[in-house]
Every structure is written in structure tokens, then in C-alpha cells.
């Protein structure tokens, strides 16, 4: 039996920053891989 789309998306693991390992807040239409803190460190 097929899983409903809502169940599928709820079962996905939280997005994790590859630099520091913190869980990131998902944002629609965002393809960023690093968290804001790591991105701000990179820009300095």
C-alpha cells in the first residue's frame, strides 16, 4: 500500500548542516546546504 504524501514528508529526517552537524529549519524554496551560522562564518 502506498504511503500518503504527508506521511512521506513527515518521515524524512531533519536537514543537517554538513559543517557543524546542527539541524536546520526547513524553508520552502531554499536549497542551502549550510546553516546560517556557518554561512556567516564563511563570509567573514
C-alpha atoms as a PDB file:
ATOM      1  CA  UNK A   1       0.000   0.000   0.000  1.00  0.00           C
ATOM      2  CA  UNK A   2       1.247   3.471  -0.870  1.00  0.00           C
ATOM      3  CA  UNK A   3       2.130   5.964   1.838  1.00  0.00           C
ATOM      4  CA  UNK A   4       0.323   9.293   1.700  1.00  0.00           C
ATOM      5  CA  UNK A   5       2.492  12.249   0.624  1.00  0.00           C
ATOM      6  CA  UNK A   6       2.033  13.891   4.010  1.00  0.00           C
ATOM      7  CA  UNK A   7       3.259  10.779   5.825  1.00  0.00           C
ATOM      8  CA  UNK A   8       6.217  10.539   3.455  1.00  0.00           C
ATOM      9  CA  UNK A   9       7.396  14.100   4.052  1.00  0.00           C
ATOM     10  CA  UNK A  10       6.902  13.821   7.815  1.00  0.00           C
ATOM     11  CA  UNK A  11       9.048  10.678   7.894  1.00  0.00           C
ATOM     12  CA  UNK A  12      12.058  12.313   6.205  1.00  0.00           C
ATOM     13  CA  UNK A  13      14.995  13.080   8.533  1.00  0.00           C
ATOM     14  CA  UNK A  14      15.637  16.698   9.501  1.00  0.00           C
ATOM     15  CA  UNK A  15      18.077  18.580   7.324  1.00  0.00           C
ATOM     16  CA  UNK A  16      21.550  18.680   8.894  1.00  0.00           C
ATOM     17  CA  UNK A  17      24.348  21.180   8.271  1.00  0.00           C
ATOM     18  CA  UNK A  18      27.384  19.318   6.891  1.00  0.00           C
ATOM     19  CA  UNK A  19      29.778  21.833   8.512  1.00  0.00           C
ATOM     20  CA  UNK A  20      28.648  21.762  12.167  1.00  0.00           C
ATOM     21  CA  UNK A  21      26.027  18.998  12.274  1.00  0.00           C
ATOM     22  CA  UNK A  22      23.221  21.214  13.638  1.00  0.00           C
ATOM     23  CA  UNK A  23      19.681  20.564  12.487  1.00  0.00           C
ATOM     24  CA  UNK A  24      18.420  23.251  10.139  1.00  0.00           C
ATOM     25  CA  UNK A  25      14.948  24.731   9.900  1.00  0.00           C
ATOM     26  CA  UNK A  26      13.491  23.781   6.525  1.00  0.00           C
ATOM     27  CA  UNK A  27      12.432  26.675   4.325  1.00  0.00           C
ATOM     28  CA  UNK A  28      10.350  26.446   1.206  1.00  0.00           C
ATOM     29  CA  UNK A  29      12.301  27.211  -1.960  1.00  0.00           C
ATOM     30  CA  UNK A  30      15.656  27.098  -0.169  1.00  0.00           C
ATOM     31  CA  UNK A  31      18.435  24.909  -1.487  1.00  0.00           C
ATOM     32  CA  UNK A  32      21.075  25.993   1.035  1.00  0.00           C
ATOM     33  CA  UNK A  33      23.120  23.174   2.498  1.00  0.00           C
ATOM     34  CA  UNK A  34      24.860  25.050   5.355  1.00  0.00           C
ATOM     35  CA  UNK A  35      23.160  26.706   8.338  1.00  0.00           C
ATOM     36  CA  UNK A  36      23.094  30.499   8.724  1.00  0.00           C
ATOM     37  CA  UNK A  37      25.816  30.428  11.379  1.00  0.00           C
ATOM     38  CA  UNK A  38      28.268  28.539   9.145  1.00  0.00           C
ATOM     39  CA  UNK A  39      27.414  30.726   6.159  1.00  0.00           C
ATOM     40  CA  UNK A  40      28.094  33.901   8.178  1.00  0.00           C
ATOM     41  CA  UNK A  41      31.481  32.492   9.303  1.00  0.00           C
ATOM     42  CA  UNK A  42      32.393  31.795   5.682  1.00  0.00           C
ATOM     43  CA  UNK A  43      31.619  35.380   4.585  1.00  0.00           C
ATOM     44  CA  UNK A  44      33.955  36.928   7.188  1.00  0.00           C
END
